[in-house]
N, C-alpha and C. Protein backbone atom coordinates (compact mmCIF):
# COMPACT_ATOMS: atom_id res chain seq x y z
N MET A 1 0.84 -1.18 0.00
CA MET A 1 0.00 0.00 0.00
C MET A 1 0.88 1.25 0.00
N LEU A 2 0.48 2.25 -0.72
CA LEU A 2 1.24 3.49 -0.84
C LEU A 2 0.84 4.45 0.27
N SER A 3 1.85 5.08 0.87
CA SER A 3 1.58 6.17 1.81
C SER A 3 2.43 7.36 1.40
N ILE A 4 1.87 8.54 1.60
CA ILE A 4 2.58 9.79 1.30
C ILE A 4 2.60 10.60 2.58
N ARG A 5 3.78 11.08 2.92
CA ARG A 5 3.95 11.83 4.16
C ARG A 5 5.07 12.84 4.00
N LYS A 6 5.13 13.79 4.94
CA LYS A 6 6.25 14.73 4.94
C LYS A 6 7.53 13.96 5.21
N ALA A 7 8.56 14.35 4.52
CA ALA A 7 9.86 13.71 4.67
C ALA A 7 10.48 14.07 6.02
N ILE A 8 11.25 13.13 6.54
CA ILE A 8 12.03 13.34 7.76
C ILE A 8 13.50 13.11 7.42
N ILE A 9 14.36 13.52 8.33
CA ILE A 9 15.80 13.46 8.07
C ILE A 9 16.26 12.05 7.69
N GLU A 10 15.62 11.04 8.25
CA GLU A 10 16.00 9.66 7.95
C GLU A 10 15.68 9.26 6.51
N ASP A 11 14.85 10.04 5.83
CA ASP A 11 14.50 9.77 4.43
C ASP A 11 15.54 10.29 3.45
N VAL A 12 16.44 11.13 3.91
CA VAL A 12 17.37 11.81 3.00
C VAL A 12 18.23 10.84 2.20
N PRO A 13 18.78 9.76 2.76
CA PRO A 13 19.55 8.84 1.91
C PRO A 13 18.73 8.27 0.74
N ALA A 14 17.47 7.93 0.98
CA ALA A 14 16.63 7.41 -0.11
C ALA A 14 16.33 8.50 -1.12
N ILE A 15 16.08 9.72 -0.65
CA ILE A 15 15.85 10.86 -1.56
C ILE A 15 17.08 11.06 -2.43
N MET A 16 18.26 10.98 -1.82
CA MET A 16 19.51 11.13 -2.57
C MET A 16 19.64 10.06 -3.65
N GLU A 17 19.33 8.83 -3.32
CA GLU A 17 19.42 7.73 -4.30
C GLU A 17 18.46 7.95 -5.47
N ILE A 18 17.25 8.38 -5.17
CA ILE A 18 16.26 8.63 -6.22
C ILE A 18 16.75 9.76 -7.13
N TYR A 19 17.24 10.84 -6.53
CA TYR A 19 17.70 11.97 -7.33
C TYR A 19 18.95 11.60 -8.14
N ASN A 20 19.87 10.88 -7.54
CA ASN A 20 21.07 10.48 -8.27
C ASN A 20 20.74 9.58 -9.45
N GLU A 21 19.75 8.72 -9.31
CA GLU A 21 19.32 7.89 -10.45
C GLU A 21 18.84 8.79 -11.58
N ALA A 22 18.08 9.82 -11.25
CA ALA A 22 17.59 10.76 -12.28
C ALA A 22 18.74 11.52 -12.93
N ILE A 23 19.72 11.92 -12.13
CA ILE A 23 20.89 12.61 -12.67
C ILE A 23 21.60 11.73 -13.70
N LEU A 24 21.82 10.48 -13.34
CA LEU A 24 22.61 9.58 -14.18
C LEU A 24 21.87 9.08 -15.42
N ASN A 25 20.54 9.00 -15.36
CA ASN A 25 19.81 8.30 -16.40
C ASN A 25 18.70 9.06 -17.11
N THR A 26 18.41 10.30 -16.69
CA THR A 26 17.30 11.02 -17.30
C THR A 26 17.70 12.46 -17.61
N THR A 27 16.84 13.12 -18.37
CA THR A 27 16.99 14.55 -18.60
C THR A 27 16.03 15.34 -17.71
N SER A 28 15.44 14.68 -16.73
CA SER A 28 14.51 15.35 -15.82
C SER A 28 15.19 16.42 -14.98
N THR A 29 16.48 16.29 -14.80
CA THR A 29 17.28 17.30 -14.11
C THR A 29 18.49 17.61 -14.99
N PHE A 30 18.92 18.85 -14.94
CA PHE A 30 20.13 19.22 -15.67
C PHE A 30 21.37 19.09 -14.79
N ASP A 31 21.21 18.63 -13.54
CA ASP A 31 22.39 18.26 -12.77
C ASP A 31 23.09 17.14 -13.53
N THR A 32 24.42 17.17 -13.51
CA THR A 32 25.18 16.13 -14.22
C THR A 32 26.14 15.39 -13.29
N GLU A 33 26.29 15.87 -12.07
CA GLU A 33 27.16 15.22 -11.10
C GLU A 33 26.33 14.73 -9.93
N ILE A 34 26.57 13.47 -9.52
CA ILE A 34 25.77 12.90 -8.43
C ILE A 34 25.98 13.71 -7.15
N LYS A 35 24.97 13.65 -6.30
CA LYS A 35 24.98 14.39 -5.03
C LYS A 35 25.46 13.50 -3.91
N THR A 36 26.16 14.10 -2.97
CA THR A 36 26.62 13.38 -1.80
C THR A 36 25.56 13.44 -0.71
N LEU A 37 25.68 12.58 0.25
CA LEU A 37 24.76 12.61 1.38
C LEU A 37 24.88 13.94 2.12
N GLU A 38 26.09 14.43 2.27
CA GLU A 38 26.29 15.73 2.92
C GLU A 38 25.54 16.83 2.18
N ASN A 39 25.62 16.84 0.86
CA ASN A 39 24.93 17.82 0.04
C ASN A 39 23.42 17.74 0.23
N ARG A 40 22.88 16.53 0.19
CA ARG A 40 21.43 16.35 0.33
C ARG A 40 20.95 16.66 1.74
N MET A 41 21.78 16.39 2.75
CA MET A 41 21.42 16.76 4.13
C MET A 41 21.32 18.28 4.25
N GLU A 42 22.28 18.98 3.66
CA GLU A 42 22.24 20.44 3.69
C GLU A 42 21.00 20.95 2.95
N TRP A 43 20.71 20.37 1.78
CA TRP A 43 19.50 20.72 1.01
C TRP A 43 18.25 20.54 1.86
N PHE A 44 18.18 19.44 2.58
CA PHE A 44 17.00 19.14 3.39
C PHE A 44 16.89 20.05 4.61
N GLN A 45 17.99 20.31 5.26
CA GLN A 45 17.97 21.08 6.50
C GLN A 45 17.80 22.58 6.27
N ASN A 46 18.07 23.06 5.07
CA ASN A 46 17.93 24.49 4.77
C ASN A 46 16.58 24.81 4.15
N ARG A 47 15.55 24.26 4.73
CA ARG A 47 14.19 24.46 4.23
C ARG A 47 13.37 25.11 5.33
N ASP A 48 12.24 25.72 4.94
CA ASP A 48 11.30 26.19 5.94
C ASP A 48 9.90 25.74 5.54
N ASP A 49 8.90 26.19 6.26
CA ASP A 49 7.53 25.71 6.04
C ASP A 49 7.01 25.98 4.62
N ASN A 50 7.55 26.97 3.94
CA ASN A 50 7.12 27.25 2.57
C ASN A 50 7.68 26.25 1.56
N PHE A 51 8.67 25.48 1.96
CA PHE A 51 9.37 24.62 1.02
C PHE A 51 9.46 23.18 1.54
N PRO A 52 8.30 22.50 1.62
CA PRO A 52 8.28 21.14 2.17
C PRO A 52 8.77 20.09 1.17
N VAL A 53 9.04 18.92 1.73
CA VAL A 53 9.38 17.73 0.94
C VAL A 53 8.44 16.61 1.40
N PHE A 54 7.85 15.92 0.44
CA PHE A 54 7.01 14.77 0.73
C PHE A 54 7.61 13.54 0.08
N VAL A 55 7.45 12.40 0.73
CA VAL A 55 7.90 11.13 0.16
C VAL A 55 6.72 10.20 -0.03
N ALA A 56 6.85 9.34 -1.04
CA ALA A 56 5.90 8.25 -1.27
C ALA A 56 6.61 6.98 -0.84
N GLN A 57 5.93 6.20 -0.01
CA GLN A 57 6.52 4.98 0.53
C GLN A 57 5.61 3.81 0.20
N LYS A 58 6.22 2.74 -0.28
CA LYS A 58 5.48 1.53 -0.63
C LYS A 58 6.25 0.34 -0.10
N GLY A 59 5.59 -0.48 0.70
CA GLY A 59 6.26 -1.66 1.26
C GLY A 59 7.50 -1.32 2.04
N GLY A 60 7.48 -0.20 2.74
CA GLY A 60 8.63 0.21 3.54
C GLY A 60 9.76 0.86 2.77
N VAL A 61 9.58 1.04 1.46
CA VAL A 61 10.63 1.63 0.61
C VAL A 61 10.16 2.99 0.10
N ILE A 62 11.03 3.99 0.18
CA ILE A 62 10.75 5.30 -0.40
C ILE A 62 10.90 5.14 -1.91
N VAL A 63 9.81 5.38 -2.66
CA VAL A 63 9.81 5.16 -4.10
C VAL A 63 9.75 6.45 -4.90
N GLY A 64 9.55 7.58 -4.22
CA GLY A 64 9.51 8.85 -4.91
C GLY A 64 9.42 9.99 -3.92
N TYR A 65 9.65 11.19 -4.43
CA TYR A 65 9.50 12.37 -3.57
C TYR A 65 9.12 13.58 -4.41
N ALA A 66 8.53 14.55 -3.73
CA ALA A 66 8.20 15.84 -4.33
C ALA A 66 8.69 16.91 -3.37
N ALA A 67 9.20 18.00 -3.93
CA ALA A 67 9.72 19.09 -3.10
C ALA A 67 9.35 20.43 -3.71
N LEU A 68 9.09 21.38 -2.86
CA LEU A 68 8.99 22.77 -3.27
C LEU A 68 10.31 23.42 -2.88
N ASN A 69 10.99 23.99 -3.86
CA ASN A 69 12.32 24.55 -3.67
C ASN A 69 12.30 26.05 -3.92
N LYS A 70 13.20 26.77 -3.26
CA LYS A 70 13.31 28.21 -3.52
C LYS A 70 13.63 28.42 -4.99
N TRP A 71 12.91 29.33 -5.60
CA TRP A 71 13.18 29.67 -6.99
C TRP A 71 14.46 30.48 -7.11
N SER A 72 14.68 31.34 -6.14
CA SER A 72 15.85 32.22 -6.17
C SER A 72 16.20 32.59 -4.73
N GLU A 73 17.45 32.89 -4.50
CA GLU A 73 17.88 33.36 -3.19
C GLU A 73 17.53 34.83 -2.97
N ARG A 74 17.13 35.52 -4.03
CA ARG A 74 16.75 36.93 -3.90
C ARG A 74 15.44 37.03 -3.12
N LYS A 75 15.41 37.85 -2.11
CA LYS A 75 14.31 37.96 -1.15
C LYS A 75 12.95 38.20 -1.83
N ALA A 76 12.91 38.97 -2.88
CA ALA A 76 11.63 39.28 -3.53
C ALA A 76 10.95 38.03 -4.09
N TYR A 77 11.73 36.97 -4.32
CA TYR A 77 11.17 35.73 -4.86
C TYR A 77 10.69 34.76 -3.78
N ASP A 78 10.65 35.17 -2.53
CA ASP A 78 10.25 34.26 -1.45
C ASP A 78 8.83 33.73 -1.60
N VAL A 79 8.02 34.34 -2.45
CA VAL A 79 6.64 33.88 -2.67
C VAL A 79 6.54 32.89 -3.83
N THR A 80 7.69 32.52 -4.39
CA THR A 80 7.72 31.63 -5.55
C THR A 80 8.56 30.40 -5.25
N ALA A 81 8.04 29.24 -5.64
CA ALA A 81 8.77 27.98 -5.48
C ALA A 81 8.89 27.30 -6.82
N GLU A 82 9.90 26.45 -6.93
CA GLU A 82 10.01 25.55 -8.08
C GLU A 82 9.75 24.15 -7.56
N ILE A 83 8.93 23.41 -8.28
CA ILE A 83 8.57 22.07 -7.86
C ILE A 83 9.51 21.04 -8.46
N SER A 84 9.82 20.02 -7.68
CA SER A 84 10.60 18.87 -8.13
C SER A 84 9.79 17.62 -7.83
N LEU A 85 9.83 16.67 -8.75
CA LEU A 85 9.08 15.43 -8.58
C LEU A 85 9.88 14.31 -9.22
N TYR A 86 10.31 13.33 -8.41
CA TYR A 86 11.13 12.23 -8.90
C TYR A 86 10.61 10.91 -8.37
N ILE A 87 10.57 9.91 -9.23
CA ILE A 87 10.06 8.58 -8.89
C ILE A 87 11.10 7.55 -9.35
N LEU A 88 11.29 6.51 -8.55
CA LEU A 88 12.17 5.41 -8.98
C LEU A 88 11.66 4.83 -10.30
N PRO A 89 12.55 4.40 -11.18
CA PRO A 89 12.14 3.94 -12.52
C PRO A 89 11.05 2.86 -12.51
N GLU A 90 11.16 1.89 -11.64
CA GLU A 90 10.20 0.79 -11.64
C GLU A 90 8.82 1.18 -11.13
N PHE A 91 8.69 2.41 -10.60
CA PHE A 91 7.40 2.88 -10.09
C PHE A 91 6.83 4.03 -10.92
N ARG A 92 7.52 4.40 -11.99
CA ARG A 92 7.01 5.47 -12.86
C ARG A 92 5.78 4.98 -13.61
N ASN A 93 4.92 5.91 -13.96
CA ASN A 93 3.69 5.62 -14.71
C ASN A 93 2.74 4.69 -13.95
N THR A 94 2.75 4.80 -12.63
CA THR A 94 1.84 4.00 -11.81
C THR A 94 0.86 4.87 -11.02
N GLY A 95 0.93 6.19 -11.20
CA GLY A 95 0.06 7.10 -10.48
C GLY A 95 0.68 7.70 -9.24
N ILE A 96 1.88 7.26 -8.88
CA ILE A 96 2.53 7.79 -7.67
C ILE A 96 2.87 9.26 -7.84
N GLY A 97 3.39 9.64 -9.00
CA GLY A 97 3.71 11.04 -9.26
C GLY A 97 2.49 11.92 -9.16
N LYS A 98 1.39 11.45 -9.69
CA LYS A 98 0.12 12.20 -9.62
C LYS A 98 -0.29 12.43 -8.17
N GLN A 99 -0.18 11.38 -7.36
CA GLN A 99 -0.57 11.51 -5.96
C GLN A 99 0.38 12.44 -5.20
N LEU A 100 1.67 12.31 -5.43
CA LEU A 100 2.63 13.21 -4.78
C LEU A 100 2.37 14.66 -5.17
N LEU A 101 2.13 14.89 -6.45
CA LEU A 101 1.88 16.24 -6.93
C LEU A 101 0.64 16.83 -6.26
N GLU A 102 -0.42 16.06 -6.17
CA GLU A 102 -1.65 16.54 -5.54
C GLU A 102 -1.43 16.87 -4.07
N VAL A 103 -0.68 16.03 -3.36
CA VAL A 103 -0.43 16.27 -1.93
C VAL A 103 0.41 17.53 -1.72
N ILE A 104 1.48 17.69 -2.50
CA ILE A 104 2.34 18.85 -2.27
C ILE A 104 1.66 20.14 -2.70
N LEU A 105 0.80 20.08 -3.73
CA LEU A 105 0.07 21.28 -4.12
C LEU A 105 -0.96 21.66 -3.06
N ALA A 106 -1.58 20.67 -2.44
CA ALA A 106 -2.52 20.96 -1.34
C ALA A 106 -1.77 21.61 -0.18
N GLU A 107 -0.58 21.10 0.12
CA GLU A 107 0.23 21.69 1.18
C GLU A 107 0.64 23.12 0.84
N ALA A 108 0.93 23.37 -0.43
CA ALA A 108 1.34 24.71 -0.86
C ALA A 108 0.27 25.75 -0.56
N GLU A 109 -0.99 25.32 -0.57
CA GLU A 109 -2.09 26.24 -0.26
C GLU A 109 -2.00 26.77 1.17
N ASN A 110 -1.27 26.08 2.04
CA ASN A 110 -1.12 26.47 3.45
C ASN A 110 0.17 27.22 3.72
N THR A 111 0.82 27.67 2.67
CA THR A 111 2.08 28.40 2.82
C THR A 111 1.86 29.86 2.42
N GLU A 112 2.94 30.61 2.44
CA GLU A 112 2.91 32.00 1.98
C GLU A 112 3.21 32.12 0.49
N LEU A 113 3.33 30.97 -0.18
CA LEU A 113 3.64 30.99 -1.61
C LEU A 113 2.47 31.52 -2.43
N VAL A 114 2.82 32.17 -3.53
CA VAL A 114 1.83 32.70 -4.47
C VAL A 114 1.94 31.99 -5.81
N SER A 115 3.14 31.55 -6.14
CA SER A 115 3.41 31.00 -7.46
C SER A 115 4.32 29.78 -7.35
N ILE A 116 4.01 28.76 -8.16
CA ILE A 116 4.87 27.58 -8.26
C ILE A 116 5.27 27.42 -9.72
N LEU A 117 6.55 27.25 -9.95
CA LEU A 117 7.09 27.08 -11.29
C LEU A 117 7.56 25.65 -11.49
N ALA A 118 7.49 25.19 -12.73
CA ALA A 118 8.03 23.89 -13.10
C ALA A 118 8.82 24.06 -14.39
N ARG A 119 10.02 23.49 -14.41
CA ARG A 119 10.84 23.47 -15.62
C ARG A 119 10.86 22.02 -16.09
N ILE A 120 10.34 21.77 -17.27
CA ILE A 120 10.24 20.40 -17.76
C ILE A 120 10.97 20.29 -19.10
N THR A 121 11.91 19.37 -19.13
CA THR A 121 12.76 19.18 -20.31
C THR A 121 11.99 18.55 -21.45
N GLU A 122 12.32 18.96 -22.67
CA GLU A 122 11.67 18.39 -23.85
C GLU A 122 11.77 16.87 -23.84
N GLY A 123 10.74 16.25 -24.35
CA GLY A 123 10.68 14.80 -24.35
C GLY A 123 9.94 14.24 -23.15
N ASN A 124 9.57 15.10 -22.22
CA ASN A 124 8.87 14.64 -21.02
C ASN A 124 7.42 15.13 -21.06
N GLU A 125 6.73 14.79 -22.14
CA GLU A 125 5.36 15.23 -22.33
C GLU A 125 4.43 14.73 -21.23
N HIS A 126 4.73 13.54 -20.68
CA HIS A 126 3.89 13.01 -19.60
C HIS A 126 3.91 13.96 -18.39
N SER A 127 5.08 14.50 -18.08
CA SER A 127 5.19 15.43 -16.96
C SER A 127 4.45 16.73 -17.25
N ILE A 128 4.56 17.22 -18.48
CA ILE A 128 3.81 18.43 -18.85
C ILE A 128 2.32 18.18 -18.71
N TYR A 129 1.85 17.04 -19.18
CA TYR A 129 0.44 16.68 -19.06
C TYR A 129 0.02 16.63 -17.59
N LEU A 130 0.81 15.97 -16.76
CA LEU A 130 0.50 15.83 -15.34
C LEU A 130 0.40 17.20 -14.67
N HIS A 131 1.32 18.08 -14.97
CA HIS A 131 1.29 19.41 -14.36
C HIS A 131 0.11 20.24 -14.87
N THR A 132 -0.14 20.22 -16.17
CA THR A 132 -1.27 21.01 -16.69
C THR A 132 -2.60 20.48 -16.16
N LYS A 133 -2.70 19.19 -15.97
CA LYS A 133 -3.91 18.60 -15.41
C LYS A 133 -4.13 19.07 -13.96
N ASN A 134 -3.05 19.51 -13.32
CA ASN A 134 -3.13 19.98 -11.94
C ASN A 134 -3.01 21.50 -11.83
N GLY A 135 -3.42 22.19 -12.89
CA GLY A 135 -3.56 23.64 -12.81
C GLY A 135 -2.39 24.47 -13.27
N PHE A 136 -1.31 23.85 -13.72
CA PHE A 136 -0.18 24.61 -14.26
C PHE A 136 -0.50 25.05 -15.68
N LYS A 137 0.00 26.22 -16.04
CA LYS A 137 -0.14 26.74 -17.39
C LYS A 137 1.25 26.91 -18.00
N VAL A 138 1.36 26.56 -19.27
CA VAL A 138 2.62 26.78 -19.98
C VAL A 138 2.80 28.29 -20.15
N VAL A 139 3.95 28.80 -19.71
CA VAL A 139 4.22 30.23 -19.83
C VAL A 139 5.34 30.52 -20.82
N GLY A 140 5.95 29.46 -21.35
CA GLY A 140 6.97 29.68 -22.36
C GLY A 140 7.86 28.47 -22.54
N VAL A 141 8.65 28.52 -23.61
CA VAL A 141 9.63 27.48 -23.88
C VAL A 141 10.98 28.16 -24.05
N MET A 142 11.94 27.71 -23.26
CA MET A 142 13.30 28.21 -23.39
C MET A 142 14.02 27.28 -24.34
N LYS A 143 14.46 27.81 -25.45
CA LYS A 143 15.07 27.01 -26.51
C LYS A 143 16.55 26.77 -26.25
N SER A 144 16.96 25.51 -26.43
CA SER A 144 18.38 25.14 -26.41
C SER A 144 19.12 25.69 -25.19
N VAL A 145 18.59 25.42 -23.98
CA VAL A 145 19.18 26.00 -22.78
C VAL A 145 20.07 25.04 -21.99
N GLY A 146 20.07 23.75 -22.35
CA GLY A 146 20.89 22.81 -21.61
C GLY A 146 21.37 21.67 -22.48
N VAL A 147 22.51 21.11 -22.10
CA VAL A 147 23.06 19.96 -22.81
C VAL A 147 23.17 18.81 -21.81
N LYS A 148 22.57 17.70 -22.16
CA LYS A 148 22.70 16.49 -21.36
C LYS A 148 22.71 15.30 -22.29
N PHE A 149 23.56 14.35 -22.01
CA PHE A 149 23.74 13.17 -22.85
C PHE A 149 24.02 13.57 -24.30
N ASP A 150 24.83 14.63 -24.45
CA ASP A 150 25.24 15.14 -25.77
C ASP A 150 24.08 15.64 -26.61
N ARG A 151 22.99 16.04 -25.96
CA ARG A 151 21.82 16.60 -26.67
C ARG A 151 21.55 18.01 -26.18
N LEU A 152 21.33 18.93 -27.08
CA LEU A 152 20.92 20.29 -26.75
C LEU A 152 19.41 20.28 -26.56
N LEU A 153 18.95 20.72 -25.40
CA LEU A 153 17.55 20.52 -25.03
C LEU A 153 16.82 21.82 -24.71
N ASP A 154 15.53 21.83 -25.05
CA ASP A 154 14.62 22.91 -24.68
C ASP A 154 14.00 22.59 -23.33
N VAL A 155 13.50 23.62 -22.67
CA VAL A 155 12.80 23.46 -21.39
C VAL A 155 11.50 24.25 -21.45
N THR A 156 10.41 23.57 -21.13
CA THR A 156 9.11 24.23 -21.05
C THR A 156 8.92 24.75 -19.62
N MET A 157 8.53 26.00 -19.52
CA MET A 157 8.26 26.62 -18.21
C MET A 157 6.75 26.60 -17.99
N LEU A 158 6.36 26.13 -16.81
CA LEU A 158 4.96 26.12 -16.41
C LEU A 158 4.82 26.85 -15.09
N GLN A 159 3.62 27.40 -14.86
CA GLN A 159 3.38 28.15 -13.63
C GLN A 159 1.97 27.85 -13.12
N LYS A 160 1.87 27.75 -11.81
CA LYS A 160 0.57 27.62 -11.15
C LYS A 160 0.49 28.74 -10.12
N LEU A 161 -0.55 29.56 -10.23
CA LEU A 161 -0.80 30.60 -9.23
C LEU A 161 -1.71 30.03 -8.17
N LEU A 162 -1.34 30.24 -6.92
CA LEU A 162 -2.13 29.71 -5.80
C LEU A 162 -3.20 30.72 -5.39
């Protein structure tokens, strides 16, 4: 049975493994170097109530996570978050991402956030569909902004106003 809950510090190693898998094998992130546990602990501990992390757990295993991240360190952007959503490969396309997205968006309604942004790399139409189905609107396409796996890639920007 699937459960979704706020992440705790003990979840960070599993979150790191999920994210590192995406770094190594997908264009879902433009990170190209794997993250250390120290790095992910710092990422997790430098959050506040506006920027939660939720995990999906199945059979005692963390199989995915969603996070609201600061869009920018500039103070004026404190009302804006960027969403991240990552699922282990064997659990993708099972509805877990949909459930995580719904939970974190509901939580966002209880924050001081006004806007949530999503950057989705070309070729990930399923993610664009999932976000638009949950109230995000396409606000533009940034052409040829990143290179991963020797491919020059576009990124679609989406926004949801709370």
